C-alpha atoms as a PDB file:
ATOM      1  CA  MET A   1       8.853   9.470  28.264  1.00  0.00           C
ATOM      2  CA  ASN A   2       9.650  11.246  24.995  1.00  0.00           C
ATOM      3  CA  PRO A   3       6.758  12.720  23.004  1.00  0.00           C
ATOM      4  CA  PRO A   4       5.698  10.652  19.981  1.00  0.00           C
ATOM      5  CA  GLN A   5       7.199  11.572  16.617  1.00  0.00           C
ATOM      6  CA  LYS A   6       4.137  10.563  14.636  1.00  0.00           C
ATOM      7  CA  LYS A   7       1.451  13.202  14.266  1.00  0.00           C
ATOM      8  CA  ILE A   8      -1.869  12.051  15.681  1.00  0.00           C
ATOM      9  CA  ALA A   9      -5.109  14.010  15.495  1.00  0.00           C
ATOM     10  CA  GLY A  10      -7.543  13.898  18.386  1.00  0.00           C
ATOM     11  CA  VAL A  11     -11.175  13.600  17.289  1.00  0.00           C
ATOM     12  CA  ILE A  12     -13.603  14.189  20.155  1.00  0.00           C
ATOM     13  CA  LEU A  13     -17.040  12.691  19.468  1.00  0.00           C
ATOM     14  CA  ALA A  14     -19.644  14.829  21.238  1.00  0.00           C
ATOM     15  CA  ALA A  15     -22.593  15.234  18.872  1.00  0.00           C
ATOM     16  CA  GLY A  16     -25.193  12.978  20.511  1.00  0.00           C
ATOM     17  CA  SER A  17     -28.495  14.034  22.065  1.00  0.00           C
ATOM     18  CA  SER A  18     -27.920  12.285  25.429  1.00  0.00           C
ATOM     19  CA  SER A  19     -31.255  10.476  25.129  1.00  0.00           C
ATOM     20  CA  ARG A  20     -30.517   8.081  28.000  1.00  0.00           C
ATOM     21  CA  MET A  21     -29.413  10.914  30.253  1.00  0.00           C
ATOM     22  CA  GLY A  22     -32.481  13.075  29.772  1.00  0.00           C
ATOM     23  CA  LYS A  23     -30.240  16.156  29.884  1.00  0.00           C
ATOM     24  CA  THR A  24     -27.519  17.500  27.625  1.00  0.00           C
ATOM     25  CA  LYS A  25     -24.552  15.731  29.185  1.00  0.00           C
ATOM     26  CA  GLN A  26     -22.011  17.814  27.268  1.00  0.00           C
ATOM     27  CA  LEU A  27     -23.159  20.744  29.442  1.00  0.00           C
ATOM     28  CA  MET A  28     -23.209  18.974  32.796  1.00  0.00           C
ATOM     29  CA  PRO A  29     -20.763  20.310  35.408  1.00  0.00           C
ATOM     30  CA  PHE A  30     -17.552  18.456  36.179  1.00  0.00           C
ATOM     31  CA  GLY A  31     -15.016  20.124  38.431  1.00  0.00           C
ATOM     32  CA  LYS A  32     -14.380  23.653  37.190  1.00  0.00           C
ATOM     33  CA  THR A  33     -15.705  22.868  33.720  1.00  0.00           C
ATOM     34  CA  THR A  34     -18.135  20.420  32.074  1.00  0.00           C
ATOM     35  CA  LEU A  35     -17.938  16.733  31.175  1.00  0.00           C
ATOM     36  CA  LEU A  36     -16.977  17.644  27.614  1.00  0.00           C
ATOM     37  CA  GLY A  37     -14.802  20.547  28.727  1.00  0.00           C
ATOM     38  CA  GLN A  38     -12.686  18.179  30.810  1.00  0.00           C
ATOM     39  CA  VAL A  39     -12.144  15.877  27.815  1.00  0.00           C
ATOM     40  CA  VAL A  40     -11.068  18.866  25.724  1.00  0.00           C
ATOM     41  CA  GLU A  41      -8.670  20.066  28.437  1.00  0.00           C
ATOM     42  CA  ALA A  42      -7.027  16.632  28.681  1.00  0.00           C
ATOM     43  CA  ALA A  43      -6.607  16.540  24.906  1.00  0.00           C
ATOM     44  CA  LYS A  44      -5.004  20.003  24.930  1.00  0.00           C
ATOM     45  CA  GLU A  45      -2.560  18.957  27.642  1.00  0.00           C
ATOM     46  CA  SER A  46      -1.487  15.909  25.638  1.00  0.00           C
ATOM     47  CA  ALA A  47       0.880  15.539  22.684  1.00  0.00           C
ATOM     48  CA  LEU A  48      -1.928  15.338  20.116  1.00  0.00           C
ATOM     49  CA  HIS A  49      -1.030  17.256  16.955  1.00  0.00           C
ATOM     50  CA  GLU A  50      -4.496  18.779  16.547  1.00  0.00           C
ATOM     51  CA  ILE A  51      -7.888  18.570  18.232  1.00  0.00           C
ATOM     52  CA  ILE A  52     -11.169  18.274  16.352  1.00  0.00           C
ATOM     53  CA  ILE A  53     -14.437  18.490  18.302  1.00  0.00           C
ATOM     54  CA  VAL A  54     -17.509  17.099  16.555  1.00  0.00           C
ATOM     55  CA  LEU A  55     -20.761  18.621  17.811  1.00  0.00           C
ATOM     56  CA  GLY A  56     -24.372  18.165  16.737  1.00  0.00           C
ATOM     57  CA  TYR A  57     -27.212  18.372  19.255  1.00  0.00           C
ATOM     58  CA  LYS A  58     -27.370  21.854  20.838  1.00  0.00           C
ATOM     59  CA  ALA A  59     -24.047  22.648  19.184  1.00  0.00           C
ATOM     60  CA  GLU A  60     -24.362  26.424  19.523  1.00  0.00           C
ATOM     61  CA  GLN A  61     -25.080  26.223  23.257  1.00  0.00           C
ATOM     62  CA  ILE A  62     -22.260  23.747  23.846  1.00  0.00           C
ATOM     63  CA  CYS A  63     -19.794  25.893  21.864  1.00  0.00           C
ATOM     64  CA  GLN A  64     -20.344  28.739  24.303  1.00  0.00           C
ATOM     65  CA  THR A  65     -18.985  26.586  27.147  1.00  0.00           C
ATOM     66  CA  LEU A  66     -15.785  25.546  25.345  1.00  0.00           C
ATOM     67  CA  ASP A  67     -12.456  27.308  24.952  1.00  0.00           C
ATOM     68  CA  PRO A  68     -11.961  27.171  21.170  1.00  0.00           C
ATOM     69  CA  ALA A  69      -8.226  27.887  21.337  1.00  0.00           C
ATOM     70  CA  ASN A  70      -6.149  25.275  19.496  1.00  0.00           C
ATOM     71  CA  THR A  71      -9.215  23.318  18.447  1.00  0.00           C
ATOM     72  CA  LYS A  72     -11.314  22.879  15.332  1.00  0.00           C
ATOM     73  CA  ILE A  73     -15.051  22.646  16.052  1.00  0.00           C
ATOM     74  CA  ILE A  74     -17.073  20.758  13.436  1.00  0.00           C
ATOM     75  CA  LEU A  75     -20.859  20.552  13.092  1.00  0.00           C
ATOM     76  CA  ASN A  76     -22.420  17.188  12.262  1.00  0.00           C
ATOM     77  CA  LYS A  77     -25.986  17.849  11.140  1.00  0.00           C
ATOM     78  CA  ASP A  78     -26.576  14.112  10.701  1.00  0.00           C
ATOM     79  CA  TYR A  79     -25.757  13.158  14.307  1.00  0.00           C
ATOM     80  CA  SER A  80     -29.173  11.511  14.783  1.00  0.00           C
ATOM     81  CA  ASN A  81     -28.135   8.847  12.261  1.00  0.00           C
ATOM     82  CA  GLY A  82     -25.561   7.393  14.623  1.00  0.00           C
ATOM     83  CA  GLN A  83     -22.057   7.827  15.989  1.00  0.00           C
ATOM     84  CA  SER A  84     -20.462   6.680  12.751  1.00  0.00           C
ATOM     85  CA  THR A  85     -21.592   9.948  11.119  1.00  0.00           C
ATOM     86  CA  SER A  86     -19.590  11.916  13.698  1.00  0.00           C
ATOM     87  CA  LEU A  87     -16.599   9.634  13.296  1.00  0.00           C
ATOM     88  CA  ILE A  88     -16.625  10.185   9.530  1.00  0.00           C
ATOM     89  CA  LYS A  89     -17.195  13.944   9.860  1.00  0.00           C
ATOM     90  CA  GLY A  90     -14.241  14.217  12.214  1.00  0.00           C
ATOM     91  CA  LEU A  91     -12.056  12.103   9.970  1.00  0.00           C
ATOM     92  CA  GLU A  92     -12.829  14.344   6.995  1.00  0.00           C
ATOM     93  CA  ASN A  93     -11.276  17.234   8.907  1.00  0.00           C
ATOM     94  CA  VAL A  94      -8.037  15.530   9.966  1.00  0.00           C
ATOM     95  CA  SER A  95      -5.034  17.319   8.464  1.00  0.00           C
ATOM     96  CA  SER A  96      -3.165  15.524   5.706  1.00  0.00           C
ATOM     97  CA  VAL A  97       0.051  15.638   7.758  1.00  0.00           C
ATOM     98  CA  CYS A  98      -1.420  13.388  10.466  1.00  0.00           C
ATOM     99  CA  ASP A  99      -0.399   9.735  10.536  1.00  0.00           C
ATOM    100  CA  ALA A 100      -3.379   8.588  12.588  1.00  0.00           C
ATOM    101  CA  ALA A 101      -6.481   9.689  14.465  1.00  0.00           C
ATOM    102  CA  MET A 102      -7.359   9.085  18.095  1.00  0.00           C
ATOM    103  CA  PHE A 103     -11.099   8.965  18.750  1.00  0.00           C
ATOM    104  CA  LEU A 104     -12.070  10.246  22.184  1.00  0.00           C
ATOM    105  CA  LEU A 105     -15.556  10.131  23.696  1.00  0.00           C
ATOM    106  CA  GLY A 106     -16.966  13.386  24.969  1.00  0.00           C
ATOM    107  CA  ASP A 107     -18.385  11.662  28.049  1.00  0.00           C
ATOM    108  CA  GLN A 108     -15.151  10.163  29.408  1.00  0.00           C
ATOM    109  CA  PRO A 109     -13.821  12.986  31.619  1.00  0.00           C
ATOM    110  CA  LEU A 110     -11.484  10.748  33.631  1.00  0.00           C
ATOM    111  CA  VAL A 111      -9.236  10.021  30.644  1.00  0.00           C
ATOM    112  CA  THR A 112      -6.133  12.119  31.267  1.00  0.00           C
ATOM    113  CA  ALA A 113      -3.398  13.556  29.083  1.00  0.00           C
ATOM    114  CA  ALA A 114      -1.085  10.910  30.573  1.00  0.00           C
ATOM    115  CA  ILE A 115      -3.326   8.104  29.310  1.00  0.00           C
ATOM    116  CA  ILE A 116      -3.584   9.743  25.887  1.00  0.00           C
ATOM    117  CA  ASN A 117       0.203  10.072  25.648  1.00  0.00           C
ATOM    118  CA  ARG A 118       0.817   6.487  26.764  1.00  0.00           C
ATOM    119  CA  LEU A 119      -1.488   5.202  24.038  1.00  0.00           C
ATOM    120  CA  MET A 120       0.210   7.397  21.452  1.00  0.00           C
ATOM    121  CA  ASN A 121       3.658   6.153  22.427  1.00  0.00           C
ATOM    122  CA  ALA A 122       2.519   2.524  22.365  1.00  0.00           C
ATOM    123  CA  PHE A 123       0.983   3.067  18.919  1.00  0.00           C
ATOM    124  CA  GLU A 124       4.193   4.574  17.593  1.00  0.00           C
ATOM    125  CA  ALA A 125       6.498   1.956  19.115  1.00  0.00           C
ATOM    126  CA  ALA A 126       4.518  -0.905  17.577  1.00  0.00           C
ATOM    127  CA  ASN A 127       3.749   0.836  14.270  1.00  0.00           C
ATOM    128  CA  ALA A 128       0.214  -0.475  14.762  1.00  0.00           C
ATOM    129  CA  LEU A 129      -2.814  -0.091  12.505  1.00  0.00           C
ATOM    130  CA  ILE A 130      -5.232  -0.033  15.439  1.00  0.00           C
ATOM    131  CA  THR A 131      -4.475   0.631  19.098  1.00  0.00           C
ATOM    132  CA  ILE A 132      -7.080  -0.092  21.775  1.00  0.00           C
ATOM    133  CA  PRO A 133      -6.761   0.268  25.566  1.00  0.00           C
ATOM    134  CA  TYR A 134      -7.870  -2.580  27.821  1.00  0.00           C
ATOM    135  CA  CYS A 135      -8.404  -2.726  31.565  1.00  0.00           C
ATOM    136  CA  ASN A 136      -9.140  -6.039  33.305  1.00  0.00           C
ATOM    137  CA  ASP A 137      -9.794  -7.634  29.899  1.00  0.00           C
ATOM    138  CA  GLN A 138     -12.418  -5.016  29.053  1.00  0.00           C
ATOM    139  CA  ARG A 139     -12.055  -2.900  25.936  1.00  0.00           C
ATOM    140  CA  GLY A 140     -12.044   0.841  26.516  1.00  0.00           C
ATOM    141  CA  ASN A 141     -11.480   4.179  24.826  1.00  0.00           C
ATOM    142  CA  PRO A 142      -9.865   6.207  23.275  1.00  0.00           C
ATOM    143  CA  VAL A 143      -8.858   4.229  20.193  1.00  0.00           C
ATOM    144  CA  ILE A 144      -6.150   5.104  17.654  1.00  0.00           C
ATOM    145  CA  ILE A 145      -6.552   4.207  13.979  1.00  0.00           C
ATOM    146  CA  ALA A 146      -3.741   4.663  11.455  1.00  0.00           C
ATOM    147  CA  ARG A 147      -4.181   6.572   8.198  1.00  0.00           C
ATOM    148  CA  PRO A 148      -4.064   3.442   5.962  1.00  0.00           C
ATOM    149  CA  LEU A 149      -7.467   2.502   7.423  1.00  0.00           C
ATOM    150  CA  PHE A 150      -9.090   5.931   7.057  1.00  0.00           C
ATOM    151  CA  HIS A 151     -10.784   4.948   3.801  1.00  0.00           C
ATOM    152  CA  ARG A 152     -12.371   1.964   5.538  1.00  0.00           C
ATOM    153  CA  LEU A 153     -13.669   4.143   8.356  1.00  0.00           C
ATOM    154  CA  LYS A 154     -15.289   6.495   5.873  1.00  0.00           C
ATOM    155  CA  SER A 155     -17.391   3.609   4.544  1.00  0.00           C
ATOM    156  CA  LEU A 156     -19.017   2.916   7.913  1.00  0.00           C
ATOM    157  CA  SER A 157     -22.793   2.974   8.136  1.00  0.00           C
ATOM    158  CA  ALA A 158     -25.431   3.009  10.891  1.00  0.00           C
ATOM    159  CA  ASP A 159     -24.597   3.316  14.589  1.00  0.00           C
ATOM    160  CA  ILE A 160     -21.915   0.638  14.736  1.00  0.00           C
ATOM    161  CA  GLY A 161     -18.861   2.801  15.257  1.00  0.00           C
ATOM    162  CA  ALA A 162     -15.707   0.937  14.244  1.00  0.00           C
ATOM    163  CA  ARG A 163     -16.661  -2.514  15.542  1.00  0.00           C
ATOM    164  CA  ASP A 164     -16.761  -4.107  12.087  1.00  0.00           C
ATOM    165  CA  LEU A 165     -13.314  -2.706  11.355  1.00  0.00           C
ATOM    166  CA  PHE A 166     -11.968  -4.164  14.597  1.00  0.00           C
ATOM    167  CA  ASP A 167     -13.364  -7.571  13.670  1.00  0.00           C
ATOM    168  CA  GLU A 168     -11.845  -7.446  10.199  1.00  0.00           C
ATOM    169  CA  PHE A 169      -8.391  -6.373  11.389  1.00  0.00           C
ATOM    170  CA  LYS A 170      -8.347  -8.120  14.758  1.00  0.00           C
ATOM    171  CA  GLU A 171      -4.882  -9.585  14.158  1.00  0.00           C
ATOM    172  CA  SER A 172      -3.510  -6.081  13.582  1.00  0.00           C
ATOM    173  CA  ILE A 173      -4.830  -4.648  16.840  1.00  0.00           C
ATOM    174  CA  LEU A 174      -2.368  -3.545  19.497  1.00  0.00           C
ATOM    175  CA  LYS A 175      -3.929  -4.065  22.917  1.00  0.00           C
ATOM    176  CA  VAL A 176      -2.570  -1.672  25.509  1.00  0.00           C
ATOM    177  CA  GLN A 177      -3.171  -2.925  29.041  1.00  0.00           C
ATOM    178  CA  ILE A 178      -3.910   0.013  31.332  1.00  0.00           C
ATOM    179  CA  THR A 179      -4.566  -0.292  35.055  1.00  0.00           C
ATOM    180  CA  ASP A 180      -6.666   2.876  35.178  1.00  0.00           C
ATOM    181  CA  LYS A 181     -10.410   2.219  34.891  1.00  0.00           C
ATOM    182  CA  ALA A 182     -10.865   5.710  33.446  1.00  0.00           C
ATOM    183  CA  ILE A 183     -10.783   4.180  29.965  1.00  0.00           C
ATOM    184  CA  LEU A 184     -13.934   2.194  30.812  1.00  0.00           C
ATOM    185  CA  ILE A 185     -15.968   4.903  32.514  1.00  0.00           C
ATOM    186  CA  ASP A 186     -18.389   6.913  30.410  1.00  0.00           C
ATOM    187  CA  VAL A 187     -21.521   8.799  31.407  1.00  0.00           C
ATOM    188  CA  ASP A 188     -24.742   7.604  29.775  1.00  0.00           C
ATOM    189  CA  THR A 189     -27.306   7.975  32.569  1.00  0.00           C
ATOM    190  CA  MET A 190     -27.982  10.187  35.581  1.00  0.00           C
ATOM    191  CA  ASP A 191     -26.866   7.313  37.819  1.00  0.00           C
ATOM    192  CA  ASP A 192     -23.556   7.223  35.937  1.00  0.00           C
ATOM    193  CA  TYR A 193     -23.161  10.950  36.487  1.00  0.00           C
ATOM    194  CA  LYS A 194     -24.008  10.785  40.185  1.00  0.00           C
ATOM    195  CA  ASN A 195     -21.540   7.942  40.686  1.00  0.00           C
ATOM    196  CA  LEU A 196     -18.876   9.906  38.831  1.00  0.00           C
ATOM    197  CA  ILE A 197     -19.135  13.060  40.914  1.00  0.00           C
ATOM    198  CA  THR A 198     -19.507  11.295  44.280  1.00  0.00           C
ATOM    199  CA  THR A 199     -16.785   8.665  43.917  1.00  0.00           C
ATOM    200  CA  PRO A 200     -13.249   9.537  45.101  1.00  0.00           C
ATOM    201  CA  ASP A 201     -10.799  10.308  42.320  1.00  0.00           C
ATOM    202  CA  HIS A 202      -9.669   7.263  40.398  1.00  0.00           C
ATOM    203  CA  GLN A 203      -5.983   6.459  40.153  1.00  0.00           C
ATOM    204  CA  GLN A 204      -4.731   8.433  37.166  1.00  0.00           C
ATOM    205  CA  GLY A 205      -1.831   8.027  34.767  1.00  0.00           C
ATOM    206  CA  ALA A 206      -1.312   4.377  35.684  1.00  0.00           C
ATOM    207  CA  GLY A 207       1.121   2.118  33.880  1.00  0.00           C
ATOM    208  CA  CYS A 208       0.404   0.204  30.730  1.00  0.00           C
ATOM    209  CA  LYS A 209       1.679  -2.789  28.833  1.00  0.00           C
ATOM    210  CA  ALA A 210       1.154  -3.367  25.124  1.00  0.00           C
ATOM    211  CA  THR A 211       0.398  -6.751  23.545  1.00  0.00           C
ATOM    212  CA  ARG A 212      -0.671  -7.824  20.092  1.00  0.00           C
ATOM    213  CA  SER A 213      -4.248  -9.107  19.955  1.00  0.00           C
ATOM    214  CA  ASP A 214      -3.101 -12.512  18.768  1.00  0.00           C
ATOM    215  CA  GLU A 215      -0.800 -13.069  21.770  1.00  0.00           C
END
């Protein structure tokens, strides 16, 4: 598969305080790195044009665990006001040459470079405004949003993420069907974490099929 021609920035959202976890999940071990470190490594291995990491809670401590090479680390002092503040902060730092931004969650360590690249290629082939992965009819992450919608993202408020935008532009959404459940698995609680590290590796880099949301 050829690398995408469009330039897409990767924005990793990792500013939260992990209130449901009870521990700082960005620092929790995963393989030879951390949960967040694995997300960053996958992004670096992909065809993303640039990588922006948005930190907030315990940012200084988390920074010490990350390899800053080929990344831009951004501090969101308003992280307690909801994920939309991190989304906007990341978007403000996307280079002007980028055609779109992919928003990755810092607690989805099973999302691989192969999945990222498949989504990017599907986005480019369809010239989509919004690209969202689905597995077994469940919406997952990461999501790609094209530059023409950046101004709408910057007007988001509260902790709603981009859900209102998805509702407004639902007919412009490209749904990419992926057979890998990695796009659905995030780590919010200690039970989630225990299940993650004790379950055999999930099938990675599985195939995908793209469909318009109105099909």
